[in-house]
Amino acid sequence: MSNLARLFPLLDDVQLPDALPYAQMSEWELQFLYLLGRHHLTGADALVELGSGGGGSTYALALGLRENPRFDEGTGRLHAYDFFRVGKGTFASEKFFTSGAAPEDGNSFLDDFQTRLEPFLPFLEIHPGDIWRTSDPDDRTPIEFLHIDIAKTARVFRCVAERFLPRLRPGAVVLHQDFASPRLPWLHHSTGALLPYIEIAGPPIRSTLAFEVTRPLPEDVLRRIAEDAYTVDEKLELISAVQERVDRDHTGKVPFRPVLELAKAYVAHYDGQSERAWKIAEPLTTDAYLAETRADHFAQLRKAYEADRPAPSPAAPESRLRRLVRRAVRR
């Protein structure tokens, strides 16, 4: 059993505050964050949350840390990264505002976030803005905990891979919050590349996959992940390796093997191989879970496939001899 697996039986006993800030994740995921802070993390190395949103996940983790006798609020630091604003490219919800909507004179919910997290500000460091600008490319400070809920695009994931993954050491904990999203296949094939060096905690907690680093991460592996240097076939093989380790989430409701199969279709789709993508995706349209929750994914992949199909060749003009033969036959 992994060190993290011992937290799973405690999930049902967690009682989080009713006034927890809004978060775009399930109660189970918030409970797991609390348990990590309360029973597992120490704060000896950096604690990093990429994609803090409205503050619900940050609050749950910080609350656990505050109740952890091993965590020193004077020296431990929880780093919160986010745009902290709504708008194109931020993937943020207006529910992150206290009022539930962006004010007319601005689109930043940073003040709302700080107000909600006020009890934990002494050990919370907030990094607002584009992660490429707010993270330090020269920072090599070891990371004890990395919560990734920001890698919605390949561009952002490259920043995560370049500036945060190399700082993980054996014993570090990583959470991929979007692991049930087939449109983010970089999360899946990068995890496949890391499998020899990590231990998956157990079944995903709803959309979140948790794992612990057990061996030093090789520089060449990290480089290939950051540079997206795997071929399409290699990526599909890496995702297949993850499918062998991950089945359903801990509630039994999210079937990760077909979810990851659909992620393979997006690997091909992003590479411009629309026919191959649809060939992978079409058999999955009969999966009940995917049909209900990912209909838009299938529509996107099918549209790309049909747009790329060659137009039928116009019929060749009938020759004079062939017309004479056809008339003769009719007689």
C-alpha atoms as a PDB file:
ATOM      1  CA  MET A   1       0.000   0.000   0.000  1.00  0.00           C
ATOM      2  CA  SER A   2       1.329   3.452  -0.899  1.00  0.00           C
ATOM      3  CA  ASN A   3       1.817   6.108   1.764  1.00  0.00           C
ATOM      4  CA  LEU A   4      -1.118   8.027   0.296  1.00  0.00           C
ATOM      5  CA  ALA A   5      -3.460   5.045   0.156  1.00  0.00           C
ATOM      6  CA  ARG A   6      -3.863   5.146   3.945  1.00  0.00           C
ATOM      7  CA  LEU A   7      -5.793   8.406   3.514  1.00  0.00           C
ATOM      8  CA  PHE A   8      -8.610   6.874   1.445  1.00  0.00           C
ATOM      9  CA  PRO A   9     -10.408   5.173   4.374  1.00  0.00           C
ATOM     10  CA  LEU A  10     -10.511   8.542   6.161  1.00  0.00           C
ATOM     11  CA  LEU A  11     -12.442  10.352   3.410  1.00  0.00           C
ATOM     12  CA  ASP A  12     -15.909   9.641   4.778  1.00  0.00           C
ATOM     13  CA  ASP A  13     -15.009  11.068   8.195  1.00  0.00           C
ATOM     14  CA  VAL A  14     -13.915  14.495   6.950  1.00  0.00           C
ATOM     15  CA  GLN A  15     -16.264  17.366   7.792  1.00  0.00           C
ATOM     16  CA  LEU A  16     -15.290  20.519   5.936  1.00  0.00           C
ATOM     17  CA  PRO A  17     -16.736  23.939   6.823  1.00  0.00           C
ATOM     18  CA  ASP A  18     -20.091  24.741   5.257  1.00  0.00           C
ATOM     19  CA  ALA A  19     -18.767  28.140   4.174  1.00  0.00           C
ATOM     20  CA  LEU A  20     -15.905  26.679   2.126  1.00  0.00           C
ATOM     21  CA  PRO A  21     -15.164  28.908  -0.886  1.00  0.00           C
ATOM     22  CA  TYR A  22     -16.541  27.783  -4.244  1.00  0.00           C
ATOM     23  CA  ALA A  23     -14.413  25.231  -6.073  1.00  0.00           C
ATOM     24  CA  GLN A  24     -14.832  23.470  -9.416  1.00  0.00           C
ATOM     25  CA  MET A  25     -14.222  20.037  -7.941  1.00  0.00           C
ATOM     26  CA  SER A  26     -16.080  17.429  -5.938  1.00  0.00           C
ATOM     27  CA  GLU A  27     -16.371  17.261  -2.160  1.00  0.00           C
ATOM     28  CA  TRP A  28     -14.251  14.078  -2.190  1.00  0.00           C
ATOM     29  CA  GLU A  29     -11.375  15.922  -3.851  1.00  0.00           C
ATOM     30  CA  LEU A  30     -11.585  18.729  -1.307  1.00  0.00           C
ATOM     31  CA  GLN A  31     -11.631  16.193   1.510  1.00  0.00           C
ATOM     32  CA  PHE A  32      -8.543  14.507   0.096  1.00  0.00           C
ATOM     33  CA  LEU A  33      -6.722  17.851  -0.028  1.00  0.00           C
ATOM     34  CA  TYR A  34      -7.593  18.428   3.611  1.00  0.00           C
ATOM     35  CA  LEU A  35      -6.325  14.960   4.553  1.00  0.00           C
ATOM     36  CA  LEU A  36      -3.054  15.563   2.715  1.00  0.00           C
ATOM     37  CA  GLY A  37      -2.516  18.786   4.613  1.00  0.00           C
ATOM     38  CA  ARG A  38      -3.579  17.326   7.954  1.00  0.00           C
ATOM     39  CA  HIS A  39      -1.881  13.921   7.886  1.00  0.00           C
ATOM     40  CA  HIS A  40       0.806  13.757   5.193  1.00  0.00           C
ATOM     41  CA  LEU A  41       2.550  16.994   4.235  1.00  0.00           C
ATOM     42  CA  THR A  42       5.134  18.756   6.377  1.00  0.00           C
ATOM     43  CA  GLY A  43       5.976  22.023   4.621  1.00  0.00           C
ATOM     44  CA  ALA A  44       9.685  21.218   4.735  1.00  0.00           C
ATOM     45  CA  ASP A  45       9.738  21.854   0.973  1.00  0.00           C
ATOM     46  CA  ALA A  46       7.502  24.084  -1.141  1.00  0.00           C
ATOM     47  CA  LEU A  47       3.788  23.350  -1.374  1.00  0.00           C
ATOM     48  CA  VAL A  48       2.500  24.479  -4.771  1.00  0.00           C
ATOM     49  CA  GLU A  49      -1.038  24.798  -6.069  1.00  0.00           C
ATOM     50  CA  LEU A  50      -1.274  25.579  -9.779  1.00  0.00           C
ATOM     51  CA  GLY A  51      -4.801  26.804 -10.458  1.00  0.00           C
ATOM     52  CA  SER A  52      -6.262  28.024  -7.152  1.00  0.00           C
ATOM     53  CA  GLY A  53      -9.437  29.426  -8.696  1.00  0.00           C
ATOM     54  CA  GLY A  54     -11.935  30.755  -6.185  1.00  0.00           C
ATOM     55  CA  GLY A  55     -10.024  29.330  -3.252  1.00  0.00           C
ATOM     56  CA  GLY A  56     -11.976  26.224  -2.257  1.00  0.00           C
ATOM     57  CA  SER A  57      -9.109  23.821  -2.875  1.00  0.00           C
ATOM     58  CA  THR A  58      -6.587  26.223  -1.305  1.00  0.00           C
ATOM     59  CA  TYR A  59      -8.774  26.584   1.765  1.00  0.00           C
ATOM     60  CA  ALA A  60      -9.218  22.827   2.244  1.00  0.00           C
ATOM     61  CA  LEU A  61      -5.474  22.204   1.966  1.00  0.00           C
ATOM     62  CA  ALA A  62      -4.534  25.169   4.175  1.00  0.00           C
ATOM     63  CA  LEU A  63      -7.038  24.107   6.828  1.00  0.00           C
ATOM     64  CA  GLY A  64      -5.443  20.678   6.961  1.00  0.00           C
ATOM     65  CA  LEU A  65      -1.981  22.233   7.221  1.00  0.00           C
ATOM     66  CA  ARG A  66      -3.087  24.465  10.095  1.00  0.00           C
ATOM     67  CA  GLU A  67      -4.295  21.399  12.009  1.00  0.00           C
ATOM     68  CA  ASN A  68      -1.094  19.461  11.246  1.00  0.00           C
ATOM     69  CA  PRO A  69       1.300  19.574  14.236  1.00  0.00           C
ATOM     70  CA  ARG A  70       4.271  18.982  11.898  1.00  0.00           C
ATOM     71  CA  PHE A  71       3.552  22.069   9.790  1.00  0.00           C
ATOM     72  CA  ASP A  72       5.288  25.260  10.925  1.00  0.00           C
ATOM     73  CA  GLU A  73       3.323  28.313   9.791  1.00  0.00           C
ATOM     74  CA  GLY A  74       6.417  30.431  10.312  1.00  0.00           C
ATOM     75  CA  THR A  75       8.556  28.595   7.780  1.00  0.00           C
ATOM     76  CA  GLY A  76       6.171  26.505   5.653  1.00  0.00           C
ATOM     77  CA  ARG A  77       4.825  28.117   2.499  1.00  0.00           C
ATOM     78  CA  LEU A  78       1.823  27.325   0.320  1.00  0.00           C
ATOM     79  CA  HIS A  79       2.154  28.919  -3.134  1.00  0.00           C
ATOM     80  CA  ALA A  80      -1.060  29.711  -5.013  1.00  0.00           C
ATOM     81  CA  TYR A  81      -0.807  30.352  -8.771  1.00  0.00           C
ATOM     82  CA  ASP A  82      -3.683  31.543 -10.951  1.00  0.00           C
ATOM     83  CA  PHE A  83      -4.705  34.306 -13.321  1.00  0.00           C
ATOM     84  CA  PHE A  84      -7.198  35.333 -10.590  1.00  0.00           C
ATOM     85  CA  ARG A  85      -9.367  36.910 -13.259  1.00  0.00           C
ATOM     86  CA  VAL A  86     -12.045  35.837 -15.682  1.00  0.00           C
ATOM     87  CA  GLY A  87     -11.787  36.234 -19.418  1.00  0.00           C
ATOM     88  CA  LYS A  88     -10.612  34.485 -22.545  1.00  0.00           C
ATOM     89  CA  GLY A  89      -7.950  31.885 -21.903  1.00  0.00           C
ATOM     90  CA  THR A  90      -8.332  31.843 -18.104  1.00  0.00           C
ATOM     91  CA  PHE A  91     -10.886  28.997 -17.825  1.00  0.00           C
ATOM     92  CA  ALA A  92     -12.205  30.786 -14.717  1.00  0.00           C
ATOM     93  CA  SER A  93     -15.816  31.038 -13.593  1.00  0.00           C
ATOM     94  CA  GLU A  94     -17.611  34.178 -12.475  1.00  0.00           C
ATOM     95  CA  LYS A  95     -18.690  32.095  -9.477  1.00  0.00           C
ATOM     96  CA  PHE A  96     -15.212  32.837  -8.130  1.00  0.00           C
ATOM     97  CA  PHE A  97     -16.461  36.343  -7.315  1.00  0.00           C
ATOM     98  CA  THR A  98     -18.156  36.753  -3.956  1.00  0.00           C
ATOM     99  CA  SER A  99     -21.146  38.290  -5.720  1.00  0.00           C
ATOM    100  CA  GLY A 100     -21.254  35.486  -8.286  1.00  0.00           C
ATOM    101  CA  ALA A 101     -20.526  37.853 -11.176  1.00  0.00           C
ATOM    102  CA  ALA A 102     -17.680  40.059 -12.343  1.00  0.00           C
ATOM    103  CA  PRO A 103     -18.087  43.740 -11.445  1.00  0.00           C
ATOM    104  CA  GLU A 104     -18.531  46.240 -14.239  1.00  0.00           C
ATOM    105  CA  ASP A 105     -15.210  47.922 -13.495  1.00  0.00           C
ATOM    106  CA  GLY A 106     -12.938  44.853 -13.577  1.00  0.00           C
ATOM    107  CA  ASN A 107     -12.451  41.135 -14.091  1.00  0.00           C
ATOM    108  CA  SER A 108     -10.095  40.245 -11.210  1.00  0.00           C
ATOM    109  CA  PHE A 109     -11.282  38.154  -8.262  1.00  0.00           C
ATOM    110  CA  LEU A 110      -7.932  38.413  -6.449  1.00  0.00           C
ATOM    111  CA  ASP A 111      -9.371  40.586  -3.670  1.00  0.00           C
ATOM    112  CA  ASP A 112     -12.194  38.070  -3.165  1.00  0.00           C
ATOM    113  CA  PHE A 113      -9.634  35.246  -2.988  1.00  0.00           C
ATOM    114  CA  GLN A 114      -7.515  37.066  -0.417  1.00  0.00           C
ATOM    115  CA  THR A 115     -10.543  37.828   1.720  1.00  0.00           C
ATOM    116  CA  ARG A 116     -11.650  34.185   1.725  1.00  0.00           C
ATOM    117  CA  LEU A 117      -8.152  32.944   2.533  1.00  0.00           C
ATOM    118  CA  GLU A 118      -7.470  35.625   5.163  1.00  0.00           C
ATOM    119  CA  PRO A 119      -6.957  33.106   8.023  1.00  0.00           C
ATOM    120  CA  PHE A 120      -4.085  31.503   6.109  1.00  0.00           C
ATOM    121  CA  LEU A 121      -2.362  34.551   4.589  1.00  0.00           C
ATOM    122  CA  PRO A 122       0.615  34.318   7.006  1.00  0.00           C
ATOM    123  CA  PHE A 123       1.835  31.181   5.194  1.00  0.00           C
ATOM    124  CA  LEU A 124       0.184  31.703   1.794  1.00  0.00           C
ATOM    125  CA  GLU A 125       2.114  33.244  -1.105  1.00  0.00           C
ATOM    126  CA  ILE A 126      -0.096  34.330  -4.011  1.00  0.00           C
ATOM    127  CA  HIS A 127       1.221  34.545  -7.582  1.00  0.00           C
ATOM    128  CA  PRO A 128      -1.382  36.299  -9.789  1.00  0.00           C
ATOM    129  CA  GLY A 129      -1.044  36.350 -13.556  1.00  0.00           C
ATOM    130  CA  ASP A 130       0.233  34.244 -16.442  1.00  0.00           C
ATOM    131  CA  ILE A 131       2.290  31.389 -14.982  1.00  0.00           C
ATOM    132  CA  TRP A 132       5.022  31.952 -17.574  1.00  0.00           C
ATOM    133  CA  ARG A 133       5.536  35.395 -16.005  1.00  0.00           C
ATOM    134  CA  THR A 134       4.846  34.623 -12.358  1.00  0.00           C
ATOM    135  CA  SER A 135       7.040  31.513 -12.051  1.00  0.00           C
ATOM    136  CA  ASP A 136      10.834  31.698 -11.845  1.00  0.00           C
ATOM    137  CA  PRO A 137      12.686  29.644 -14.501  1.00  0.00           C
ATOM    138  CA  ASP A 138      15.757  29.566 -12.246  1.00  0.00           C
ATOM    139  CA  ASP A 139      13.953  28.362  -9.123  1.00  0.00           C
ATOM    140  CA  ARG A 140      15.227  24.911  -8.124  1.00  0.00           C
ATOM    141  CA  THR A 141      13.652  24.837  -4.672  1.00  0.00           C
ATOM    142  CA  PRO A 142      12.398  21.274  -4.006  1.00  0.00           C
ATOM    143  CA  ILE A 143       8.640  20.781  -4.102  1.00  0.00           C
ATOM    144  CA  GLU A 144       6.921  18.523  -1.574  1.00  0.00           C
ATOM    145  CA  PHE A 145       3.412  18.912  -3.016  1.00  0.00           C
ATOM    146  CA  LEU A 146       2.255  19.889  -6.514  1.00  0.00           C
ATOM    147  CA  HIS A 147      -1.454  20.290  -7.307  1.00  0.00           C
ATOM    148  CA  ILE A 148      -1.915  20.701 -11.071  1.00  0.00           C
ATOM    149  CA  ASP A 149      -5.264  22.238 -11.993  1.00  0.00           C
ATOM    150  CA  ILE A 150      -3.965  24.760 -14.509  1.00  0.00           C
ATOM    151  CA  ALA A 151      -2.691  22.743 -17.488  1.00  0.00           C
ATOM    152  CA  LYS A 152      -5.730  23.336 -19.711  1.00  0.00           C
ATOM    153  CA  THR A 153      -3.521  24.005 -22.734  1.00  0.00           C
ATOM    154  CA  ALA A 154      -0.315  22.475 -24.065  1.00  0.00           C
ATOM    155  CA  ARG A 155       1.362  25.880 -23.671  1.00  0.00           C
ATOM    156  CA  VAL A 156       0.669  26.009 -19.939  1.00  0.00           C
ATOM    157  CA  PHE A 157       1.575  22.360 -19.459  1.00  0.00           C
ATOM    158  CA  ARG A 158       4.974  23.052 -20.973  1.00  0.00           C
ATOM    159  CA  CYS A 159       5.571  25.656 -18.265  1.00  0.00           C
ATOM    160  CA  VAL A 160       4.526  23.136 -15.607  1.00  0.00           C
ATOM    161  CA  ALA A 161       6.839  20.522 -17.097  1.00  0.00           C
ATOM    162  CA  GLU A 162       9.801  22.888 -17.446  1.00  0.00           C
ATOM    163  CA  ARG A 163       9.606  24.769 -14.156  1.00  0.00           C
ATOM    164  CA  PHE A 164       7.860  22.533 -11.627  1.00  0.00           C
ATOM    165  CA  LEU A 165       8.264  18.836 -12.452  1.00  0.00           C
ATOM    166  CA  PRO A 166      12.110  18.999 -12.244  1.00  0.00           C
ATOM    167  CA  ARG A 167      11.772  20.226  -8.652  1.00  0.00           C
ATOM    168  CA  LEU A 168      10.049  17.029  -7.502  1.00  0.00           C
ATOM    169  CA  ARG A 169      12.071  14.699  -5.307  1.00  0.00           C
ATOM    170  CA  PRO A 170      11.333  11.187  -3.987  1.00  0.00           C
ATOM    171  CA  GLY A 171       8.502  11.546  -1.511  1.00  0.00           C
ATOM    172  CA  ALA A 172       6.851  14.436  -3.370  1.00  0.00           C
ATOM    173  CA  VAL A 173       3.097  14.212  -3.968  1.00  0.00           C
ATOM    174  CA  VAL A 174       1.443  15.204  -7.251  1.00  0.00           C
ATOM    175  CA  LEU A 175      -2.266  15.642  -7.959  1.00  0.00           C
ATOM    176  CA  HIS A 176      -3.571  15.847 -11.529  1.00  0.00           C
ATOM    177  CA  GLN A 177      -7.014  17.385 -11.032  1.00  0.00           C
ATOM    178  CA  ASP A 178      -8.076  17.152 -14.698  1.00  0.00           C
ATOM    179  CA  PHE A 179      -7.222  13.498 -15.230  1.00  0.00           C
ATOM    180  CA  ALA A 180     -10.775  12.722 -16.380  1.00  0.00           C
ATOM    181  CA  SER A 181     -10.490  15.224 -19.237  1.00  0.00           C
ATOM    182  CA  PRO A 182      -9.706  13.501 -22.568  1.00  0.00           C
ATOM    183  CA  ARG A 183      -8.959  16.870 -24.166  1.00  0.00           C
ATOM    184  CA  LEU A 184      -5.814  17.195 -22.033  1.00  0.00           C
ATOM    185  CA  PRO A 185      -3.885  14.105 -23.164  1.00  0.00           C
ATOM    186  CA  TRP A 186      -0.527  15.619 -22.116  1.00  0.00           C
ATOM    187  CA  LEU A 187      -1.529  14.812 -18.537  1.00  0.00           C
ATOM    188  CA  HIS A 188      -2.000  11.166 -19.462  1.00  0.00           C
ATOM    189  CA  HIS A 189       1.009  10.402 -21.636  1.00  0.00           C
ATOM    190  CA  SER A 190       3.342  12.368 -19.340  1.00  0.00           C
ATOM    191  CA  THR A 191       2.110  10.240 -16.443  1.00  0.00           C
ATOM    192  CA  GLY A 192       2.847   7.183 -18.542  1.00  0.00           C
ATOM    193  CA  ALA A 193       6.399   8.424 -19.062  1.00  0.00           C
ATOM    194  CA  LEU A 194       6.788   8.836 -15.287  1.00  0.00           C
ATOM    195  CA  LEU A 195       5.360   5.444 -14.300  1.00  0.00           C
ATOM    196  CA  PRO A 196       8.743   3.807 -13.584  1.00  0.00           C
ATOM    197  CA  TYR A 197       9.485   6.560 -11.043  1.00  0.00           C
ATOM    198  CA  ILE A 198       6.144   7.038  -9.248  1.00  0.00           C
ATOM    199  CA  GLU A 199       3.562   5.103  -7.275  1.00  0.00           C
ATOM    200  CA  ILE A 200      -0.096   5.802  -7.977  1.00  0.00           C
ATOM    201  CA  ALA A 201      -1.917   6.235  -4.666  1.00  0.00           C
ATOM    202  CA  GLY A 202      -4.953   4.206  -5.648  1.00  0.00           C
ATOM    203  CA  PRO A 203      -8.081   4.807  -7.701  1.00  0.00           C
ATOM    204  CA  PRO A 204      -8.538   8.430  -8.762  1.00  0.00           C
ATOM    205  CA  ILE A 205     -10.583  10.621  -6.465  1.00  0.00           C
ATOM    206  CA  ARG A 206     -13.286  11.536  -8.971  1.00  0.00           C
ATOM    207  CA  SER A 207     -11.291  13.503 -11.595  1.00  0.00           C
ATOM    208  CA  THR A 208      -8.048  13.656  -9.583  1.00  0.00           C
ATOM    209  CA  LEU A 209      -5.163  11.207  -9.919  1.00  0.00           C
ATOM    210  CA  ALA A 210      -2.722  11.237  -7.003  1.00  0.00           C
ATOM    211  CA  PHE A 211       0.755   9.786  -7.077  1.00  0.00           C
ATOM    212  CA  GLU A 212       3.975   9.890  -5.085  1.00  0.00           C
ATOM    213  CA  VAL A 213       7.443  10.173  -6.572  1.00  0.00           C
ATOM    214  CA  THR A 214       9.451   7.129  -5.467  1.00  0.00           C
ATOM    215  CA  ARG A 215      12.631   7.474  -7.537  1.00  0.00           C
ATOM    216  CA  PRO A 216      14.577  10.464  -8.891  1.00  0.00           C
ATOM    217  CA  LEU A 217      13.049  11.705 -12.155  1.00  0.00           C
ATOM    218  CA  PRO A 218      15.618  11.392 -14.986  1.00  0.00           C
ATOM    219  CA  GLU A 219      16.525  14.628 -16.738  1.00  0.00           C
ATOM    220  CA  ASP A 220      16.076  13.103 -20.195  1.00  0.00           C
ATOM    221  CA  VAL A 221      12.530  11.981 -19.377  1.00  0.00           C
ATOM    222  CA  LEU A 222      11.634  15.416 -18.001  1.00  0.00           C
ATOM    223  CA  ARG A 223      13.148  17.069 -21.063  1.00  0.00           C
ATOM    224  CA  ARG A 224      11.148  14.908 -23.481  1.00  0.00           C
ATOM    225  CA  ILE A 225       7.962  15.654 -21.561  1.00  0.00           C
ATOM    226  CA  ALA A 226       8.619  19.405 -21.567  1.00  0.00           C
ATOM    227  CA  GLU A 227       9.595  19.474 -25.242  1.00  0.00           C
ATOM    228  CA  ASP A 228       6.698  17.231 -26.290  1.00  0.00           C
ATOM    229  CA  ALA A 229       9.316  15.004 -27.904  1.00  0.00           C
ATOM    230  CA  TYR A 230       7.293  11.780 -27.997  1.00  0.00           C
ATOM    231  CA  THR A 231       5.778  10.576 -31.272  1.00  0.00           C
ATOM    232  CA  VAL A 232       2.063   9.930 -31.563  1.00  0.00           C
ATOM    233  CA  ASP A 233       2.625   6.172 -31.386  1.00  0.00           C
ATOM    234  CA  GLU A 234       4.796   6.571 -28.287  1.00  0.00           C
ATOM    235  CA  LYS A 235       2.152   8.723 -26.619  1.00  0.00           C
ATOM    236  CA  LEU A 236      -0.528   6.123 -27.312  1.00  0.00           C
ATOM    237  CA  GLU A 237       1.676   3.431 -25.777  1.00  0.00           C
ATOM    238  CA  LEU A 238       2.311   5.580 -22.708  1.00  0.00           C
ATOM    239  CA  ILE A 239      -1.415   6.121 -22.211  1.00  0.00           C
ATOM    240  CA  SER A 240      -1.982   2.369 -22.615  1.00  0.00           C
ATOM    241  CA  ALA A 241       0.478   1.814 -19.772  1.00  0.00           C
ATOM    242  CA  VAL A 242      -1.603   4.116 -17.557  1.00  0.00           C
ATOM    243  CA  GLN A 243      -4.772   2.251 -18.547  1.00  0.00           C
ATOM    244  CA  GLU A 244      -3.234  -0.908 -17.112  1.00  0.00           C
ATOM    245  CA  ARG A 245      -2.883   0.826 -13.725  1.00  0.00           C
ATOM    246  CA  VAL A 246      -6.055   2.932 -13.565  1.00  0.00           C
ATOM    247  CA  ASP A 247      -9.600   1.618 -13.874  1.00  0.00           C
ATOM    248  CA  ARG A 248     -12.526   3.361 -12.158  1.00  0.00           C
ATOM    249  CA  ASP A 249     -12.430   6.200  -9.681  1.00  0.00           C
ATOM    250  CA  HIS A 250     -12.888   5.423  -5.996  1.00  0.00           C
ATOM    251  CA  THR A 251     -16.669   5.916  -6.225  1.00  0.00           C
ATOM    252  CA  GLY A 252     -16.925   3.525  -9.178  1.00  0.00           C
ATOM    253  CA  LYS A 253     -18.678   6.125 -11.337  1.00  0.00           C
ATOM    254  CA  VAL A 254     -15.910   7.348 -13.649  1.00  0.00           C
ATOM    255  CA  PRO A 255     -14.562   4.624 -16.000  1.00  0.00           C
ATOM    256  CA  PHE A 256     -11.034   5.808 -16.648  1.00  0.00           C
ATOM    257  CA  ARG A 257     -10.051   3.193 -19.212  1.00  0.00           C
ATOM    258  CA  PRO A 258     -12.496   4.458 -21.865  1.00  0.00           C
ATOM    259  CA  VAL A 259     -11.783   8.041 -20.790  1.00  0.00           C
ATOM    260  CA  LEU A 260      -8.091   7.466 -21.467  1.00  0.00           C
ATOM    261  CA  GLU A 261      -8.928   5.739 -24.747  1.00  0.00           C
ATOM    262  CA  LEU A 262     -10.706   8.911 -25.813  1.00  0.00           C
ATOM    263  CA  ALA A 263      -7.613  10.865 -24.753  1.00  0.00           C
ATOM    264  CA  LYS A 264      -5.694   8.795 -27.307  1.00  0.00           C
ATOM    265  CA  ALA A 265      -8.064  10.093 -29.977  1.00  0.00           C
ATOM    266  CA  TYR A 266      -7.117  13.636 -28.961  1.00  0.00           C
ATOM    267  CA  VAL A 267      -3.422  12.804 -29.272  1.00  0.00           C
ATOM    268  CA  ALA A 268      -4.073  11.969 -32.928  1.00  0.00           C
ATOM    269  CA  HIS A 269      -6.468  14.906 -33.352  1.00  0.00           C
ATOM    270  CA  TYR A 270      -3.931  17.471 -32.113  1.00  0.00           C
ATOM    271  CA  ASP A 271      -1.387  15.971 -34.491  1.00  0.00           C
ATOM    272  CA  GLY A 272      -3.739  16.607 -37.406  1.00  0.00           C
ATOM    273  CA  GLN A 273      -4.581  12.910 -37.888  1.00  0.00           C
ATOM    274  CA  SER A 274      -8.350  13.363 -37.922  1.00  0.00           C
ATOM    275  CA  GLU A 275      -9.116  10.017 -39.577  1.00  0.00           C
ATOM    276  CA  ARG A 276      -7.037   8.137 -37.018  1.00  0.00           C
ATOM    277  CA  ALA A 277      -8.613  10.138 -34.200  1.00  0.00           C
ATOM    278  CA  TRP A 278     -12.138   9.275 -35.304  1.00  0.00           C
ATOM    279  CA  LYS A 279     -11.172   5.636 -35.798  1.00  0.00           C
ATOM    280  CA  ILE A 280     -10.187   5.536 -32.128  1.00  0.00           C
ATOM    281  CA  ALA A 281     -13.169   7.560 -30.931  1.00  0.00           C
ATOM    282  CA  GLU A 282     -16.048   6.076 -32.917  1.00  0.00           C
ATOM    283  CA  PRO A 283     -16.200   2.712 -31.049  1.00  0.00           C
ATOM    284  CA  LEU A 284     -16.366   4.652 -27.777  1.00  0.00           C
ATOM    285  CA  THR A 285     -19.632   6.344 -28.730  1.00  0.00           C
ATOM    286  CA  THR A 286     -21.455   3.289 -27.352  1.00  0.00           C
ATOM    287  CA  ASP A 287     -19.912   3.716 -23.895  1.00  0.00           C
ATOM    288  CA  ALA A 288     -22.723   4.916 -21.635  1.00  0.00           C
ATOM    289  CA  TYR A 289     -20.593   7.237 -19.496  1.00  0.00           C
ATOM    290  CA  LEU A 290     -18.841   8.882 -22.443  1.00  0.00           C
ATOM    291  CA  ALA A 291     -22.053   9.176 -24.453  1.00  0.00           C
ATOM    292  CA  GLU A 292     -23.637  11.076 -21.567  1.00  0.00           C
ATOM    293  CA  THR A 293     -20.702  13.255 -20.526  1.00  0.00           C
ATOM    294  CA  ARG A 294     -18.517  13.673 -23.629  1.00  0.00           C
ATOM    295  CA  ALA A 295     -20.969  14.058 -26.506  1.00  0.00           C
ATOM    296  CA  ASP A 296     -19.308  17.357 -27.441  1.00  0.00           C
ATOM    297  CA  HIS A 297     -15.955  15.561 -27.707  1.00  0.00           C
ATOM    298  CA  PHE A 298     -17.347  13.093 -30.221  1.00  0.00           C
ATOM    299  CA  ALA A 299     -18.984  15.907 -32.177  1.00  0.00           C
ATOM    300  CA  GLN A 300     -15.669  17.782 -32.352  1.00  0.00           C
ATOM    301  CA  LEU A 301     -13.687  14.761 -33.520  1.00  0.00           C
ATOM    302  CA  ARG A 302     -16.291  13.707 -36.068  1.00  0.00           C
ATOM    303  CA  LYS A 303     -16.537  17.231 -37.475  1.00  0.00           C
ATOM    304  CA  ALA A 304     -12.760  17.339 -37.957  1.00  0.00           C
ATOM    305  CA  TYR A 305     -12.806  13.921 -39.609  1.00  0.00           C
ATOM    306  CA  GLU A 306     -15.577  14.866 -42.025  1.00  0.00           C
ATOM    307  CA  ALA A 307     -13.931  18.196 -42.845  1.00  0.00           C
ATOM    308  CA  ASP A 308     -10.710  16.433 -43.776  1.00  0.00           C
ATOM    309  CA  ARG A 309     -12.297  13.702 -45.880  1.00  0.00           C
ATOM    310  CA  PRO A 310     -11.466  14.141 -49.565  1.00  0.00           C
ATOM    311  CA  ALA A 311     -14.377  15.233 -51.702  1.00  0.00           C
ATOM    312  CA  PRO A 312     -15.650  12.516 -54.045  1.00  0.00           C
ATOM    313  CA  SER A 313     -14.143  12.743 -57.505  1.00  0.00           C
ATOM    314  CA  PRO A 314     -16.552  14.001 -60.163  1.00  0.00           C
ATOM    315  CA  ALA A 315     -17.756  11.300 -62.537  1.00  0.00           C
ATOM    316  CA  ALA A 316     -15.694  11.081 -65.708  1.00  0.00           C
ATOM    317  CA  PRO A 317     -17.585  12.205 -68.837  1.00  0.00           C
ATOM    318  CA  GLU A 318     -19.096   9.298 -70.732  1.00  0.00           C
ATOM    319  CA  SER A 319     -17.287   8.568 -73.956  1.00  0.00           C
ATOM    320  CA  ARG A 320     -19.138   8.541 -77.335  1.00  0.00           C
ATOM    321  CA  LEU A 321     -18.376   4.839 -77.807  1.00  0.00           C
ATOM    322  CA  ARG A 322     -19.809   3.972 -74.373  1.00  0.00           C
ATOM    323  CA  ARG A 323     -23.007   5.894 -75.162  1.00  0.00           C
ATOM    324  CA  LEU A 324     -23.429   3.969 -78.417  1.00  0.00           C
ATOM    325  CA  VAL A 325     -22.909   0.644 -76.627  1.00  0.00           C
ATOM    326  CA  ARG A 326     -25.425   1.567 -73.922  1.00  0.00           C
ATOM    327  CA  ARG A 327     -28.046   2.504 -76.552  1.00  0.00           C
ATOM    328  CA  ALA A 328     -27.410  -0.731 -78.415  1.00  0.00           C
ATOM    329  CA  VAL A 329     -27.942  -2.780 -75.254  1.00  0.00           C
ATOM    330  CA  ARG A 330     -31.232  -1.042 -74.547  1.00  0.00           C
ATOM    331  CA  ARG A 331     -32.498  -2.105 -77.972  1.00  0.00           C
END
